[in-house]
Amino acid sequence: MSDERVPGTWLAARLAELDYRWLLPGTLLLALMPWPIEPEPHLIQKTHMLLAGTLKRPIDVVDLFWHGWAVVLVLVKVGFDGVRALRRRQA
């Protein structure tokens, strides 16, 4: 069976191509900006707004997405790498 037919294999292949040497510094850069200009990073500020229910302006939603997408990508990659390591250990 081709990899194209198995769900998740395309995503796993693309995530395997990403290198942590580049992914982690880029993620920290996006997540912590605009430090030290602002008192707290936008990701934390927008997350507080989301939890408080005050994240209403479209620019705030875009800002949350922009500063948070790399964090989500790292978490997904860590999850895929963990599953891959468990499958190798069981085989």
C-alpha atoms as a PDB file:
ATOM      1  CA  MET A   1       0.000   0.000   0.000  1.00  0.00           C
ATOM      2  CA  SER A   2       1.281   3.442  -0.924  1.00  0.00           C
ATOM      3  CA  ASP A   3       2.080   6.022   1.763  1.00  0.00           C
ATOM      4  CA  GLU A   4      -0.405   8.365   0.121  1.00  0.00           C
ATOM      5  CA  ARG A   5      -3.317   6.102   1.090  1.00  0.00           C
ATOM      6  CA  VAL A   6      -2.395   5.628   4.733  1.00  0.00           C
ATOM      7  CA  PRO A   7      -3.794   8.485   6.842  1.00  0.00           C
ATOM      8  CA  GLY A   8      -1.185  10.521   8.667  1.00  0.00           C
ATOM      9  CA  THR A   9       1.852   9.288   6.769  1.00  0.00           C
ATOM     10  CA  TRP A  10       2.172  12.437   4.665  1.00  0.00           C
ATOM     11  CA  LEU A  11       2.080  14.607   7.783  1.00  0.00           C
ATOM     12  CA  ALA A  12       4.522  12.313   9.594  1.00  0.00           C
ATOM     13  CA  ALA A  13       6.917  12.493   6.648  1.00  0.00           C
ATOM     14  CA  ARG A  14       6.787  16.305   6.557  1.00  0.00           C
ATOM     15  CA  LEU A  15       7.284  16.525  10.330  1.00  0.00           C
ATOM     16  CA  ALA A  16      10.264  14.161  10.122  1.00  0.00           C
ATOM     17  CA  GLU A  17      11.900  16.600   7.707  1.00  0.00           C
ATOM     18  CA  LEU A  18      11.746  19.418  10.271  1.00  0.00           C
ATOM     19  CA  ASP A  19      14.880  19.760  12.359  1.00  0.00           C
ATOM     20  CA  TYR A  20      14.675  20.779  16.012  1.00  0.00           C
ATOM     21  CA  ARG A  21      17.810  22.918  15.564  1.00  0.00           C
ATOM     22  CA  TRP A  22      15.744  25.359  13.501  1.00  0.00           C
ATOM     23  CA  LEU A  23      12.286  24.730  14.857  1.00  0.00           C
ATOM     24  CA  LEU A  24      12.930  25.431  18.547  1.00  0.00           C
ATOM     25  CA  PRO A  25      14.746  28.786  18.203  1.00  0.00           C
ATOM     26  CA  GLY A  26      12.129  29.987  15.705  1.00  0.00           C
ATOM     27  CA  THR A  27       9.343  28.914  18.033  1.00  0.00           C
ATOM     28  CA  LEU A  28      10.909  30.709  20.979  1.00  0.00           C
ATOM     29  CA  LEU A  29      11.405  33.808  18.871  1.00  0.00           C
ATOM     30  CA  LEU A  30       7.743  33.904  17.804  1.00  0.00           C
ATOM     31  CA  ALA A  31       6.379  32.939  21.212  1.00  0.00           C
ATOM     32  CA  LEU A  32       8.377  35.480  23.208  1.00  0.00           C
ATOM     33  CA  MET A  33       8.039  38.505  20.923  1.00  0.00           C
ATOM     34  CA  PRO A  34       7.896  41.492  21.501  1.00  0.00           C
ATOM     35  CA  TRP A  35      10.108  40.936  24.504  1.00  0.00           C
ATOM     36  CA  PRO A  36      11.690  43.026  26.104  1.00  0.00           C
ATOM     37  CA  ILE A  37       9.660  45.902  24.631  1.00  0.00           C
ATOM     38  CA  GLU A  38       6.334  44.832  26.116  1.00  0.00           C
ATOM     39  CA  PRO A  39       5.841  43.760  29.729  1.00  0.00           C
ATOM     40  CA  GLU A  40       4.726  40.280  28.615  1.00  0.00           C
ATOM     41  CA  PRO A  41       4.920  38.356  25.323  1.00  0.00           C
ATOM     42  CA  HIS A  42       1.925  38.577  22.990  1.00  0.00           C
ATOM     43  CA  LEU A  43       1.304  34.830  23.176  1.00  0.00           C
ATOM     44  CA  ILE A  44       0.850  34.998  26.942  1.00  0.00           C
ATOM     45  CA  GLN A  45      -1.160  38.224  26.730  1.00  0.00           C
ATOM     46  CA  LYS A  46      -3.513  36.827  24.062  1.00  0.00           C
ATOM     47  CA  THR A  47      -3.872  33.518  25.920  1.00  0.00           C
ATOM     48  CA  HIS A  48      -4.942  35.446  29.033  1.00  0.00           C
ATOM     49  CA  MET A  49      -7.434  37.361  26.894  1.00  0.00           C
ATOM     50  CA  LEU A  50      -8.762  34.104  25.424  1.00  0.00           C
ATOM     51  CA  LEU A  51      -9.248  32.547  28.848  1.00  0.00           C
ATOM     52  CA  ALA A  52     -10.895  35.717  30.176  1.00  0.00           C
ATOM     53  CA  GLY A  53     -13.247  35.909  27.194  1.00  0.00           C
ATOM     54  CA  THR A  54     -11.972  39.294  26.030  1.00  0.00           C
ATOM     55  CA  LEU A  55     -10.323  38.092  22.802  1.00  0.00           C
ATOM     56  CA  LYS A  56     -12.832  39.739  20.476  1.00  0.00           C
ATOM     57  CA  ARG A  57     -10.988  41.955  18.001  1.00  0.00           C
ATOM     58  CA  PRO A  58      -9.883  40.237  14.785  1.00  0.00           C
ATOM     59  CA  ILE A  59      -6.341  41.590  15.151  1.00  0.00           C
ATOM     60  CA  ASP A  60      -6.073  39.900  18.547  1.00  0.00           C
ATOM     61  CA  VAL A  61      -7.204  36.564  17.086  1.00  0.00           C
ATOM     62  CA  VAL A  62      -4.660  36.887  14.254  1.00  0.00           C
ATOM     63  CA  ASP A  63      -1.981  37.835  16.791  1.00  0.00           C
ATOM     64  CA  LEU A  64      -2.777  34.745  18.887  1.00  0.00           C
ATOM     65  CA  PHE A  65      -2.552  32.565  15.777  1.00  0.00           C
ATOM     66  CA  TRP A  66       0.660  34.180  14.559  1.00  0.00           C
ATOM     67  CA  HIS A  67       2.492  33.872  17.871  1.00  0.00           C
ATOM     68  CA  GLY A  68       1.118  30.403  18.649  1.00  0.00           C
ATOM     69  CA  TRP A  69       1.281  28.373  15.431  1.00  0.00           C
ATOM     70  CA  ALA A  70       4.905  27.380  15.910  1.00  0.00           C
ATOM     71  CA  VAL A  71       4.239  26.190  19.467  1.00  0.00           C
ATOM     72  CA  VAL A  72       1.452  23.963  18.153  1.00  0.00           C
ATOM     73  CA  LEU A  73       3.766  22.685  15.405  1.00  0.00           C
ATOM     74  CA  VAL A  74       6.457  21.765  17.951  1.00  0.00           C
ATOM     75  CA  LEU A  75       3.903  19.969  20.143  1.00  0.00           C
ATOM     76  CA  VAL A  76       2.610  17.981  17.155  1.00  0.00           C
ATOM     77  CA  LYS A  77       6.167  17.084  16.106  1.00  0.00           C
ATOM     78  CA  VAL A  78       7.070  15.965  19.623  1.00  0.00           C
ATOM     79  CA  GLY A  79       3.915  13.831  19.691  1.00  0.00           C
ATOM     80  CA  PHE A  80       4.665  12.216  16.327  1.00  0.00           C
ATOM     81  CA  ASP A  81       8.293  11.596  17.320  1.00  0.00           C
ATOM     82  CA  GLY A  82       7.155  10.040  20.604  1.00  0.00           C
ATOM     83  CA  VAL A  83       4.720   7.718  18.851  1.00  0.00           C
ATOM     84  CA  ARG A  84       7.392   6.771  16.299  1.00  0.00           C
ATOM     85  CA  ALA A  85       9.861   5.977  19.128  1.00  0.00           C
ATOM     86  CA  LEU A  86       7.283   3.821  20.923  1.00  0.00           C
ATOM     87  CA  ARG A  87       6.509   1.893  17.735  1.00  0.00           C
ATOM     88  CA  ARG A  88      10.225   1.272  17.126  1.00  0.00           C
ATOM     89  CA  ARG A  89      10.662   0.058  20.700  1.00  0.00           C
ATOM     90  CA  GLN A  90       7.733  -2.367  20.368  1.00  0.00           C
ATOM     91  CA  ALA A  91       8.959  -3.763  17.040  1.00  0.00           C
END
